Amino acid sequence: RKFYSLMRKNDNAAVHNAHLTKDFFQRNNVTLLDHPACSPDLNPIENIWGWMAREVYKKGHQFQTVDALSEALFTTWSNVPTSLLETLASSMPKRIFEVINKNGGATHY
């Protein structure tokens, strides 16, 4: 979850309040959106985790060791399709629009 949490603004995690992080965003003209810390509608990484879980456990595959599972996870992470990333990135305007229209309520994402 650390991958997507770097994009959140007001959840008070130390990394998000660090001066270096804030300075980096400011220097690079990155506008941070205010949204709740737990907002899966605006965190497409959740979709990637789901895809990865389906890939890793495809056909009921089970792992005998933590090392075997770890290897499968790293291999799967390395092979996330670019098309999936592009689809999720392009869905952000629709996600934001729907969250706004639902006044922060549940969306279909």
PDB file of N, CA and C in Angstrom:
ATOM      1  N   ARG A   1       0.801  -1.196   0.000  1.00  0.00           N
ATOM      2  CA  ARG A   1       0.000   0.000   0.000  1.00  0.00           C
ATOM      3  C   ARG A   1       0.846   1.264   0.000  1.00  0.00           C
ATOM      4  N   LYS A   2       2.109   1.140   0.255  1.00  0.00           N
ATOM      5  CA  LYS A   2       2.968   2.308   0.243  1.00  0.00           C
ATOM      6  C   LYS A   2       3.042   2.922  -1.146  1.00  0.00           C
ATOM      7  N   PHE A   3       2.823   2.121  -2.192  1.00  0.00           N
ATOM      8  CA  PHE A   3       2.927   2.645  -3.544  1.00  0.00           C
ATOM      9  C   PHE A   3       1.909   3.738  -3.797  1.00  0.00           C
ATOM     10  N   TYR A   4       0.681   3.556  -3.326  1.00  0.00           N
ATOM     11  CA  TYR A   4      -0.322   4.567  -3.608  1.00  0.00           C
ATOM     12  C   TYR A   4      -0.435   5.593  -2.502  1.00  0.00           C
ATOM     13  N   SER A   5       0.023   5.289  -1.316  1.00  0.00           N
ATOM     14  CA  SER A   5      -0.147   6.230  -0.217  1.00  0.00           C
ATOM     15  C   SER A   5       0.681   7.488  -0.403  1.00  0.00           C
ATOM     16  N   LEU A   6       1.701   7.432  -1.231  1.00  0.00           N
ATOM     17  CA  LEU A   6       2.506   8.619  -1.466  1.00  0.00           C
ATOM     18  C   LEU A   6       1.715   9.708  -2.173  1.00  0.00           C
ATOM     19  N   MET A   7       0.580   9.358  -2.728  1.00  0.00           N
ATOM     20  CA  MET A   7      -0.214  10.332  -3.456  1.00  0.00           C
ATOM     21  C   MET A   7      -1.265  10.998  -2.575  1.00  0.00           C
ATOM     22  N   ARG A   8      -1.446  10.520  -1.355  1.00  0.00           N
ATOM     23  CA  ARG A   8      -2.435  11.095  -0.463  1.00  0.00           C
ATOM     24  C   ARG A   8      -1.855  12.285   0.258  1.00  0.00           C
ATOM     25  N   LYS A   9      -2.710  13.225   0.613  1.00  0.00           N
ATOM     26  CA  LYS A   9      -2.217  14.456   1.197  1.00  0.00           C
ATOM     27  C   LYS A   9      -2.422  14.557   2.702  1.00  0.00           C
ATOM     28  N   ASN A  10      -3.585  14.305   3.207  1.00  0.00           N
ATOM     29  CA  ASN A  10      -3.899  14.662   4.584  1.00  0.00           C
ATOM     30  C   ASN A  10      -4.181  13.472   5.488  1.00  0.00           C
ATOM     31  N   ASP A  11      -3.443  12.392   5.352  1.00  0.00           N
ATOM     32  CA  ASP A  11      -3.687  11.270   6.246  1.00  0.00           C
ATOM     33  C   ASP A  11      -2.707  11.251   7.418  1.00  0.00           C
ATOM     34  N   ASN A  12      -1.858  12.263   7.528  1.00  0.00           N
ATOM     35  CA  ASN A  12      -0.940  12.480   8.647  1.00  0.00           C
ATOM     36  C   ASN A  12       0.177  11.451   8.782  1.00  0.00           C
ATOM     37  N   ALA A  13       0.365  10.592   7.798  1.00  0.00           N
ATOM     38  CA  ALA A  13       1.512   9.687   7.847  1.00  0.00           C
ATOM     39  C   ALA A  13       2.780  10.533   7.737  1.00  0.00           C
ATOM     40  N   ALA A  14       3.813  10.132   8.456  1.00  0.00           N
ATOM     41  CA  ALA A  14       5.036  10.930   8.526  1.00  0.00           C
ATOM     42  C   ALA A  14       5.610  11.245   7.145  1.00  0.00           C
ATOM     43  N   VAL A  15       5.600  10.234   6.246  1.00  0.00           N
ATOM     44  CA  VAL A  15       6.174  10.462   4.927  1.00  0.00           C
ATOM     45  C   VAL A  15       5.428  11.549   4.166  1.00  0.00           C
ATOM     46  N   HIS A  16       4.127  11.696   4.426  1.00  0.00           N
ATOM     47  CA  HIS A  16       3.340  12.688   3.692  1.00  0.00           C
ATOM     48  C   HIS A  16       3.512  14.086   4.267  1.00  0.00           C
ATOM     49  N   ASN A  17       3.971  14.160   5.478  1.00  0.00           N
ATOM     50  CA  ASN A  17       4.174  15.449   6.117  1.00  0.00           C
ATOM     51  C   ASN A  17       5.631  15.879   6.115  1.00  0.00           C
ATOM     52  N   ALA A  18       6.510  15.045   5.613  1.00  0.00           N
ATOM     53  CA  ALA A  18       7.928  15.364   5.595  1.00  0.00           C
ATOM     54  C   ALA A  18       8.174  16.572   4.703  1.00  0.00           C
ATOM     55  N   HIS A  19       9.030  17.442   5.172  1.00  0.00           N
ATOM     56  CA  HIS A  19       9.339  18.650   4.404  1.00  0.00           C
ATOM     57  C   HIS A  19       9.942  18.312   3.044  1.00  0.00           C
ATOM     58  N   LEU A  20      10.774  17.292   2.977  1.00  0.00           N
ATOM     59  CA  LEU A  20      11.381  16.922   1.701  1.00  0.00           C
ATOM     60  C   LEU A  20      10.324  16.518   0.680  1.00  0.00           C
ATOM     61  N   THR A  21       9.338  15.771   1.140  1.00  0.00           N
ATOM     62  CA  THR A  21       8.275  15.337   0.246  1.00  0.00           C
ATOM     63  C   THR A  21       7.468  16.531  -0.242  1.00  0.00           C
ATOM     64  N   LYS A  22       7.074  17.387   0.689  1.00  0.00           N
ATOM     65  CA  LYS A  22       6.301  18.578   0.309  1.00  0.00           C
ATOM     66  C   LYS A  22       7.103  19.469  -0.624  1.00  0.00           C
ATOM     67  N   ASP A  23       8.377  19.639  -0.338  1.00  0.00           N
ATOM     68  CA  ASP A  23       9.226  20.467  -1.200  1.00  0.00           C
ATOM     69  C   ASP A  23       9.343  19.874  -2.598  1.00  0.00           C
ATOM     70  N   PHE A  24       9.489  18.542  -2.676  1.00  0.00           N
ATOM     71  CA  PHE A  24       9.570  17.882  -3.977  1.00  0.00           C
ATOM     72  C   PHE A  24       8.315  18.155  -4.801  1.00  0.00           C
ATOM     73  N   PHE A  25       7.152  17.954  -4.179  1.00  0.00           N
ATOM     74  CA  PHE A  25       5.900  18.187  -4.902  1.00  0.00           C
ATOM     75  C   PHE A  25       5.782  19.639  -5.346  1.00  0.00           C
ATOM     76  N   GLN A  26       6.149  20.556  -4.484  1.00  0.00           N
ATOM     77  CA  GLN A  26       6.045  21.973  -4.820  1.00  0.00           C
ATOM     78  C   GLN A  26       6.998  22.328  -5.963  1.00  0.00           C
ATOM     79  N   ARG A  27       8.238  21.869  -5.885  1.00  0.00           N
ATOM     80  CA  ARG A  27       9.231  22.164  -6.934  1.00  0.00           C
ATOM     81  C   ARG A  27       8.805  21.605  -8.280  1.00  0.00           C
ATOM     82  N   ASN A  28       8.097  20.491  -8.258  1.00  0.00           N
ATOM     83  CA  ASN A  28       7.697  19.830  -9.498  1.00  0.00           C
ATOM     84  C   ASN A  28       6.259  20.135  -9.902  1.00  0.00           C
ATOM     85  N   ASN A  29       5.688  21.153  -9.280  1.00  0.00           N
ATOM     86  CA  ASN A  29       4.328  21.599  -9.607  1.00  0.00           C
ATOM     87  C   ASN A  29       3.307  20.461  -9.566  1.00  0.00           C
ATOM     88  N   VAL A  30       3.412  19.612  -8.546  1.00  0.00           N
ATOM     89  CA  VAL A  30       2.467  18.514  -8.365  1.00  0.00           C
ATOM     90  C   VAL A  30       1.362  19.004  -7.448  1.00  0.00           C
ATOM     91  N   THR A  31       0.137  18.986  -7.950  1.00  0.00           N
ATOM     92  CA  THR A  31      -1.015  19.374  -7.150  1.00  0.00           C
ATOM     93  C   THR A  31      -1.575  18.136  -6.472  1.00  0.00           C
ATOM     94  N   LEU A  32      -1.664  18.177  -5.170  1.00  0.00           N
ATOM     95  CA  LEU A  32      -2.202  17.050  -4.421  1.00  0.00           C
ATOM     96  C   LEU A  32      -3.689  17.250  -4.196  1.00  0.00           C
ATOM     97  N   LEU A  33      -4.442  16.191  -4.349  1.00  0.00           N
ATOM     98  CA  LEU A  33      -5.871  16.243  -4.141  1.00  0.00           C
ATOM     99  C   LEU A  33      -6.190  15.925  -2.693  1.00  0.00           C
ATOM    100  N   ASP A  34      -7.092  16.685  -2.108  1.00  0.00           N
ATOM    101  CA  ASP A  34      -7.580  16.363  -0.778  1.00  0.00           C
ATOM    102  C   ASP A  34      -8.602  15.250  -0.904  1.00  0.00           C
ATOM    103  N   HIS A  35      -8.351  14.122  -0.256  1.00  0.00           N
ATOM    104  CA  HIS A  35      -9.330  13.053  -0.188  1.00  0.00           C
ATOM    105  C   HIS A  35      -8.996  12.180   1.011  1.00  0.00           C
ATOM    106  N   PRO A  36      -9.971  11.450   1.483  1.00  0.00           N
ATOM    107  CA  PRO A  36      -9.757  10.637   2.687  1.00  0.00           C
ATOM    108  C   PRO A  36      -8.610   9.646   2.507  1.00  0.00           C
ATOM    109  N   ALA A  37      -7.970   9.307   3.611  1.00  0.00           N
ATOM    110  CA  ALA A  37      -6.847   8.373   3.582  1.00  0.00           C
ATOM    111  C   ALA A  37      -7.245   7.022   2.990  1.00  0.00           C
ATOM    112  N   CYS A  38      -8.418   6.558   3.289  1.00  0.00           N
ATOM    113  CA  CYS A  38      -8.908   5.288   2.753  1.00  0.00           C
ATOM    114  C   CYS A  38      -9.952   5.580   1.693  1.00  0.00           C
ATOM    115  N   SER A  39      -9.498   5.733   0.476  1.00  0.00           N
ATOM    116  CA  SER A  39     -10.392   6.090  -0.617  1.00  0.00           C
ATOM    117  C   SER A  39     -10.110   5.195  -1.817  1.00  0.00           C
ATOM    118  N   PRO A  40     -10.552   3.937  -1.776  1.00  0.00           N
ATOM    119  CA  PRO A  40     -10.228   3.009  -2.855  1.00  0.00           C
ATOM    120  C   PRO A  40     -10.751   3.449  -4.220  1.00  0.00           C
ATOM    121  N   ASP A  41     -11.798   4.263  -4.249  1.00  0.00           N
ATOM    122  CA  ASP A  41     -12.309   4.739  -5.534  1.00  0.00           C
ATOM    123  C   ASP A  41     -11.259   5.551  -6.279  1.00  0.00           C
ATOM    124  N   LEU A  42     -10.375   6.196  -5.542  1.00  0.00           N
ATOM    125  CA  LEU A  42      -9.353   7.034  -6.158  1.00  0.00           C
ATOM    126  C   LEU A  42      -7.973   6.389  -6.120  1.00  0.00           C
ATOM    127  N   ASN A  43      -7.908   5.124  -5.801  1.00  0.00           N
ATOM    128  CA  ASN A  43      -6.634   4.422  -5.731  1.00  0.00           C
ATOM    129  C   ASN A  43      -6.635   3.233  -6.681  1.00  0.00           C
ATOM    130  N   PRO A  44      -6.306   3.473  -7.944  1.00  0.00           N
ATOM    131  CA  PRO A  44      -6.338   2.366  -8.906  1.00  0.00           C
ATOM    132  C   PRO A  44      -5.349   1.251  -8.589  1.00  0.00           C
ATOM    133  N   ILE A  45      -4.420   1.487  -7.665  1.00  0.00           N
ATOM    134  CA  ILE A  45      -3.499   0.421  -7.285  1.00  0.00           C
ATOM    135  C   ILE A  45      -4.273  -0.773  -6.719  1.00  0.00           C
ATOM    136  N   GLU A  46      -5.439  -0.501  -6.139  1.00  0.00           N
ATOM    137  CA  GLU A  46      -6.269  -1.599  -5.624  1.00  0.00           C
ATOM    138  C   GLU A  46      -6.634  -2.563  -6.754  1.00  0.00           C
ATOM    139  N   ASN A  47      -6.872  -2.018  -7.947  1.00  0.00           N
ATOM    140  CA  ASN A  47      -7.178  -2.859  -9.100  1.00  0.00           C
ATOM    141  C   ASN A  47      -5.974  -3.704  -9.498  1.00  0.00           C
ATOM    142  N   ILE A  48      -4.787  -3.127  -9.360  1.00  0.00           N
ATOM    143  CA  ILE A  48      -3.574  -3.875  -9.681  1.00  0.00           C
ATOM    144  C   ILE A  48      -3.367  -4.987  -8.666  1.00  0.00           C
ATOM    145  N   TRP A  49      -3.604  -4.699  -7.372  1.00  0.00           N
ATOM    146  CA  TRP A  49      -3.476  -5.761  -6.358  1.00  0.00           C
ATOM    147  C   TRP A  49      -4.422  -6.909  -6.687  1.00  0.00           C
ATOM    148  N   GLY A  50      -5.650  -6.578  -7.089  1.00  0.00           N
ATOM    149  CA  GLY A  50      -6.617  -7.624  -7.444  1.00  0.00           C
ATOM    150  C   GLY A  50      -6.142  -8.443  -8.627  1.00  0.00           C
ATOM    151  N   TRP A  51      -5.631  -7.759  -9.654  1.00  0.00           N
ATOM    152  CA  TRP A  51      -5.112  -8.453 -10.831  1.00  0.00           C
ATOM    153  C   TRP A  51      -3.962  -9.376 -10.426  1.00  0.00           C
ATOM    154  N   MET A  52      -3.063  -8.846  -9.581  1.00  0.00           N
ATOM    155  CA  MET A  52      -1.922  -9.654  -9.152  1.00  0.00           C
ATOM    156  C   MET A  52      -2.368 -10.895  -8.377  1.00  0.00           C
ATOM    157  N   ALA A  53      -3.330 -10.722  -7.483  1.00  0.00           N
ATOM    158  CA  ALA A  53      -3.815 -11.868  -6.704  1.00  0.00           C
ATOM    159  C   ALA A  53      -4.384 -12.937  -7.627  1.00  0.00           C
ATOM    160  N   ARG A  54      -5.154 -12.507  -8.627  1.00  0.00           N
ATOM    161  CA  ARG A  54      -5.719 -13.480  -9.571  1.00  0.00           C
ATOM    162  C   ARG A  54      -4.619 -14.192 -10.353  1.00  0.00           C
ATOM    163  N   GLU A  55      -3.580 -13.452 -10.748  1.00  0.00           N
ATOM    164  CA  GLU A  55      -2.468 -14.050 -11.484  1.00  0.00           C
ATOM    165  C   GLU A  55      -1.674 -15.027 -10.621  1.00  0.00           C
ATOM    166  N   VAL A  56      -1.338 -14.602  -9.409  1.00  0.00           N
ATOM    167  CA  VAL A  56      -0.501 -15.421  -8.524  1.00  0.00           C
ATOM    168  C   VAL A  56      -1.207 -16.720  -8.151  1.00  0.00           C
ATOM    169  N   TYR A  57      -2.508 -16.645  -7.906  1.00  0.00           N
ATOM    170  CA  TYR A  57      -3.251 -17.832  -7.468  1.00  0.00           C
ATOM    171  C   TYR A  57      -4.060 -18.463  -8.603  1.00  0.00           C
ATOM    172  N   LYS A  58      -3.681 -18.153  -9.838  1.00  0.00           N
ATOM    173  CA  LYS A  58      -4.370 -18.689 -11.016  1.00  0.00           C
ATOM    174  C   LYS A  58      -4.456 -20.213 -10.928  1.00  0.00           C
ATOM    175  N   LYS A  59      -5.609 -20.726 -11.292  1.00  0.00           N
ATOM    176  CA  LYS A  59      -5.854 -22.178 -11.300  1.00  0.00           C
ATOM    177  C   LYS A  59      -5.640 -22.810  -9.927  1.00  0.00           C
ATOM    178  N   GLY A  60      -5.909 -22.035  -8.871  1.00  0.00           N
ATOM    179  CA  GLY A  60      -5.826 -22.568  -7.518  1.00  0.00           C
ATOM    180  C   GLY A  60      -4.413 -22.821  -7.017  1.00  0.00           C
ATOM    181  N   HIS A  61      -3.433 -22.205  -7.653  1.00  0.00           N
ATOM    182  CA  HIS A  61      -2.034 -22.422  -7.265  1.00  0.00           C
ATOM    183  C   HIS A  61      -1.803 -22.062  -5.798  1.00  0.00           C
ATOM    184  N   GLN A  62      -1.128 -22.931  -5.072  1.00  0.00           N
ATOM    185  CA  GLN A  62      -0.769 -22.695  -3.672  1.00  0.00           C
ATOM    186  C   GLN A  62       0.752 -22.752  -3.553  1.00  0.00           C
ATOM    187  N   PHE A  63       1.278 -22.089  -2.536  1.00  0.00           N
ATOM    188  CA  PHE A  63       2.722 -22.011  -2.358  1.00  0.00           C
ATOM    189  C   PHE A  63       3.118 -22.717  -1.073  1.00  0.00           C
ATOM    190  N   GLN A  64       4.217 -23.451  -1.160  1.00  0.00           N
ATOM    191  CA  GLN A  64       4.691 -24.233  -0.019  1.00  0.00           C
ATOM    192  C   GLN A  64       5.600 -23.424   0.905  1.00  0.00           C
ATOM    193  N   THR A  65       6.210 -22.358   0.364  1.00  0.00           N
ATOM    194  CA  THR A  65       7.125 -21.554   1.178  1.00  0.00           C
ATOM    195  C   THR A  65       6.869 -20.070   0.931  1.00  0.00           C
ATOM    196  N   VAL A  66       7.296 -19.270   1.890  1.00  0.00           N
ATOM    197  CA  VAL A  66       7.201 -17.818   1.749  1.00  0.00           C
ATOM    198  C   VAL A  66       8.074 -17.368   0.585  1.00  0.00           C
ATOM    199  N   ASP A  67       9.237 -18.001   0.424  1.00  0.00           N
ATOM    200  CA  ASP A  67      10.130 -17.632  -0.679  1.00  0.00           C
ATOM    201  C   ASP A  67       9.474 -17.873  -2.035  1.00  0.00           C
ATOM    202  N   ALA A  68       8.766 -18.974  -2.171  1.00  0.00           N
ATOM    203  CA  ALA A  68       8.089 -19.268  -3.438  1.00  0.00           C
ATOM    204  C   ALA A  68       6.996 -18.238  -3.713  1.00  0.00           C
ATOM    205  N   LEU A  69       6.228 -17.881  -2.695  1.00  0.00           N
ATOM    206  CA  LEU A  69       5.203 -16.860  -2.852  1.00  0.00           C
ATOM    207  C   LEU A  69       5.838 -15.511  -3.187  1.00  0.00           C
ATOM    208  N   SER A  70       6.891 -15.167  -2.484  1.00  0.00           N
ATOM    209  CA  SER A  70       7.585 -13.905  -2.727  1.00  0.00           C
ATOM    210  C   SER A  70       8.089 -13.823  -4.166  1.00  0.00           C
ATOM    211  N   GLU A  71       8.678 -14.897  -4.641  1.00  0.00           N
ATOM    212  CA  GLU A  71       9.164 -14.936  -6.022  1.00  0.00           C
ATOM    213  C   GLU A  71       8.017 -14.749  -7.011  1.00  0.00           C
ATOM    214  N   ALA A  72       6.903 -15.421  -6.760  1.00  0.00           N
ATOM    215  CA  ALA A  72       5.737 -15.286  -7.644  1.00  0.00           C
ATOM    216  C   ALA A  72       5.208 -13.856  -7.646  1.00  0.00           C
ATOM    217  N   LEU A  73       5.182 -13.232  -6.477  1.00  0.00           N
ATOM    218  CA  LEU A  73       4.706 -11.851  -6.387  1.00  0.00           C
ATOM    219  C   LEU A  73       5.614 -10.897  -7.150  1.00  0.00           C
ATOM    220  N   PHE A  74       6.920 -11.034  -6.969  1.00  0.00           N
ATOM    221  CA  PHE A  74       7.851 -10.149  -7.672  1.00  0.00           C
ATOM    222  C   PHE A  74       7.799 -10.364  -9.183  1.00  0.00           C
ATOM    223  N   THR A  75       7.675 -11.614  -9.595  1.00  0.00           N
ATOM    224  CA  THR A  75       7.574 -11.904 -11.023  1.00  0.00           C
ATOM    225  C   THR A  75       6.296 -11.300 -11.595  1.00  0.00           C
ATOM    226  N   THR A  76       5.203 -11.470 -10.871  1.00  0.00           N
ATOM    227  CA  THR A  76       3.923 -10.929 -11.335  1.00  0.00           C
ATOM    228  C   THR A  76       3.973  -9.409 -11.387  1.00  0.00           C
ATOM    229  N   TRP A  77       4.539  -8.782 -10.346  1.00  0.00           N
ATOM    230  CA  TRP A  77       4.660  -7.324 -10.315  1.00  0.00           C
ATOM    231  C   TRP A  77       5.472  -6.828 -11.516  1.00  0.00           C
ATOM    232  N   SER A  78       6.506  -7.560 -11.879  1.00  0.00           N
ATOM    233  CA  SER A  78       7.352  -7.174 -13.016  1.00  0.00           C
ATOM    234  C   SER A  78       6.637  -7.310 -14.348  1.00  0.00           C
ATOM    235  N   ASN A  79       5.549  -8.064 -14.352  1.00  0.00           N
ATOM    236  CA  ASN A  79       4.843  -8.328 -15.601  1.00  0.00           C
ATOM    237  C   ASN A  79       3.448  -7.706 -15.664  1.00  0.00           C
ATOM    238  N   VAL A  80       3.200  -6.691 -14.850  1.00  0.00           N
ATOM    239  CA  VAL A  80       1.914  -5.995 -14.943  1.00  0.00           C
ATOM    240  C   VAL A  80       1.825  -5.408 -16.352  1.00  0.00           C
ATOM    241  N   PRO A  81       0.778  -5.727 -17.092  1.00  0.00           N
ATOM    242  CA  PRO A  81       0.679  -5.245 -18.469  1.00  0.00           C
ATOM    243  C   PRO A  81       0.576  -3.715 -18.545  1.00  0.00           C
ATOM    244  N   THR A  82       1.315  -3.159 -19.474  1.00  0.00           N
ATOM    245  CA  THR A  82       1.261  -1.720 -19.700  1.00  0.00           C
ATOM    246  C   THR A  82      -0.170  -1.292 -20.014  1.00  0.00           C
ATOM    247  N   SER A  83      -0.892  -2.124 -20.726  1.00  0.00           N
ATOM    248  CA  SER A  83      -2.274  -1.787 -21.082  1.00  0.00           C
ATOM    249  C   SER A  83      -3.144  -1.629 -19.834  1.00  0.00           C
ATOM    250  N   LEU A  84      -2.907  -2.438 -18.804  1.00  0.00           N
ATOM    251  CA  LEU A  84      -3.665  -2.304 -17.555  1.00  0.00           C
ATOM    252  C   LEU A  84      -3.342  -0.967 -16.899  1.00  0.00           C
ATOM    253  N   LEU A  85      -2.067  -0.622 -16.851  1.00  0.00           N
ATOM    254  CA  LEU A  85      -1.665   0.652 -16.259  1.00  0.00           C
ATOM    255  C   LEU A  85      -2.265   1.832 -17.022  1.00  0.00           C
ATOM    256  N   GLU A  86      -2.253   1.749 -18.337  1.00  0.00           N
ATOM    257  CA  GLU A  86      -2.824   2.819 -19.166  1.00  0.00           C
ATOM    258  C   GLU A  86      -4.326   2.943 -18.946  1.00  0.00           C
ATOM    259  N   THR A  87      -5.003   1.809 -18.866  1.00  0.00           N
ATOM    260  CA  THR A  87      -6.452   1.822 -18.634  1.00  0.00           C
ATOM    261  C   THR A  87      -6.782   2.444 -17.285  1.00  0.00           C
ATOM    262  N   LEU A  88      -6.040   2.063 -16.255  1.00  0.00           N
ATOM    263  CA  LEU A  88      -6.294   2.608 -14.926  1.00  0.00           C
ATOM    264  C   LEU A  88      -5.979   4.100 -14.868  1.00  0.00           C
ATOM    265  N   ALA A  89      -4.888   4.501 -15.480  1.00  0.00           N
ATOM    266  CA  ALA A  89      -4.536   5.930 -15.493  1.00  0.00           C
ATOM    267  C   ALA A  89      -5.597   6.730 -16.231  1.00  0.00           C
ATOM    268  N   SER A  90      -6.071   6.221 -17.342  1.00  0.00           N
ATOM    269  CA  SER A  90      -7.072   6.956 -18.112  1.00  0.00           C
ATOM    270  C   SER A  90      -8.441   6.963 -17.434  1.00  0.00           C
ATOM    271  N   SER A  91      -8.639   6.075 -16.441  1.00  0.00           N
ATOM    272  CA  SER A  91      -9.922   6.046 -15.729  1.00  0.00           C
ATOM    273  C   SER A  91     -10.006   7.109 -14.639  1.00  0.00           C
ATOM    274  N   MET A  92      -8.893   7.753 -14.305  1.00  0.00           N
ATOM    275  CA  MET A  92      -8.887   8.696 -13.192  1.00  0.00           C
ATOM    276  C   MET A  92      -9.872   9.854 -13.352  1.00  0.00           C
ATOM    277  N   PRO A  93      -9.964  10.508 -14.509  1.00  0.00           N
ATOM    278  CA  PRO A  93     -10.960  11.585 -14.621  1.00  0.00           C
ATOM    279  C   PRO A  93     -12.385  11.106 -14.337  1.00  0.00           C
ATOM    280  N   LYS A  94     -12.735   9.918 -14.834  1.00  0.00           N
ATOM    281  CA  LYS A  94     -14.071   9.372 -14.580  1.00  0.00           C
ATOM    282  C   LYS A  94     -14.253   9.047 -13.098  1.00  0.00           C
ATOM    283  N   ARG A  95     -13.219   8.512 -12.467  1.00  0.00           N
ATOM    284  CA  ARG A  95     -13.287   8.192 -11.041  1.00  0.00           C
ATOM    285  C   ARG A  95     -13.516   9.455 -10.222  1.00  0.00           C
ATOM    286  N   ILE A  96     -12.736  10.488 -10.522  1.00  0.00           N
ATOM    287  CA  ILE A  96     -12.860  11.744  -9.790  1.00  0.00           C
ATOM    288  C   ILE A  96     -14.237  12.350 -10.007  1.00  0.00           C
ATOM    289  N   PHE A  97     -14.696  12.362 -11.254  1.00  0.00           N
ATOM    290  CA  PHE A  97     -16.012  12.906 -11.583  1.00  0.00           C
ATOM    291  C   PHE A  97     -17.101  12.178 -10.803  1.00  0.00           C
ATOM    292  N   GLU A  98     -17.021  10.846 -10.762  1.00  0.00           N
ATOM    293  CA  GLU A  98     -18.042  10.063 -10.063  1.00  0.00           C
ATOM    294  C   GLU A  98     -18.003  10.308  -8.555  1.00  0.00           C
ATOM    295  N   VAL A  99     -16.801  10.397  -7.977  1.00  0.00           N
ATOM    296  CA  VAL A  99     -16.685  10.677  -6.547  1.00  0.00           C
ATOM    297  C   VAL A  99     -17.304  12.036  -6.229  1.00  0.00           C
ATOM    298  N   ILE A 100     -17.038  13.028  -7.081  1.00  0.00           N
ATOM    299  CA  ILE A 100     -17.623  14.360  -6.880  1.00  0.00           C
ATOM    300  C   ILE A 100     -19.143  14.296  -6.989  1.00  0.00           C
ATOM    301  N   ASN A 101     -19.642  13.621  -8.016  1.00  0.00           N
ATOM    302  CA  ASN A 101     -21.098  13.514  -8.201  1.00  0.00           C
ATOM    303  C   ASN A 101     -21.781  12.762  -7.075  1.00  0.00           C
ATOM    304  N   LYS A 102     -21.077  11.842  -6.439  1.00  0.00           N
ATOM    305  CA  LYS A 102     -21.649  11.063  -5.330  1.00  0.00           C
ATOM    306  C   LYS A 102     -21.346  11.721  -3.979  1.00  0.00           C
ATOM    307  N   ASN A 103     -20.813  12.947  -4.029  1.00  0.00           N
ATOM    308  CA  ASN A 103     -20.452  13.662  -2.807  1.00  0.00           C
ATOM    309  C   ASN A 103     -19.597  12.816  -1.859  1.00  0.00           C
ATOM    310  N   GLY A 104     -18.648  12.085  -2.450  1.00  0.00           N
ATOM    311  CA  GLY A 104     -17.745  11.264  -1.650  1.00  0.00           C
ATOM    312  C   GLY A 104     -18.298   9.895  -1.316  1.00  0.00           C
ATOM    313  N   GLY A 105     -19.513   9.611  -1.759  1.00  0.00           N
ATOM    314  CA  GLY A 105     -20.116   8.311  -1.476  1.00  0.00           C
ATOM    315  C   GLY A 105     -19.539   7.216  -2.361  1.00  0.00           C
ATOM    316  N   ALA A 106     -20.049   6.021  -2.201  1.00  0.00           N
ATOM    317  CA  ALA A 106     -19.549   4.857  -2.936  1.00  0.00           C
ATOM    318  C   ALA A 106     -19.762   5.018  -4.432  1.00  0.00           C
ATOM    319  N   THR A 107     -18.794   4.536  -5.188  1.00  0.00           N
ATOM    320  CA  THR A 107     -18.891   4.534  -6.642  1.00  0.00           C
ATOM    321  C   THR A 107     -18.821   3.098  -7.125  1.00  0.00           C
ATOM    322  N   HIS A 108     -18.899   2.914  -8.427  1.00  0.00           N
ATOM    323  CA  HIS A 108     -18.818   1.546  -8.945  1.00  0.00           C
ATOM    324  C   HIS A 108     -17.365   1.091  -9.121  1.00  0.00           C
ATOM    325  N   TYR A 109     -16.417   1.941  -8.788  1.00  0.00           N
ATOM    326  CA  TYR A 109     -15.015   1.557  -8.881  1.00  0.00           C
ATOM    327  C   TYR A 109     -14.659   0.803  -7.660  1.00  0.00           C
TER     328      TYR A 109
END
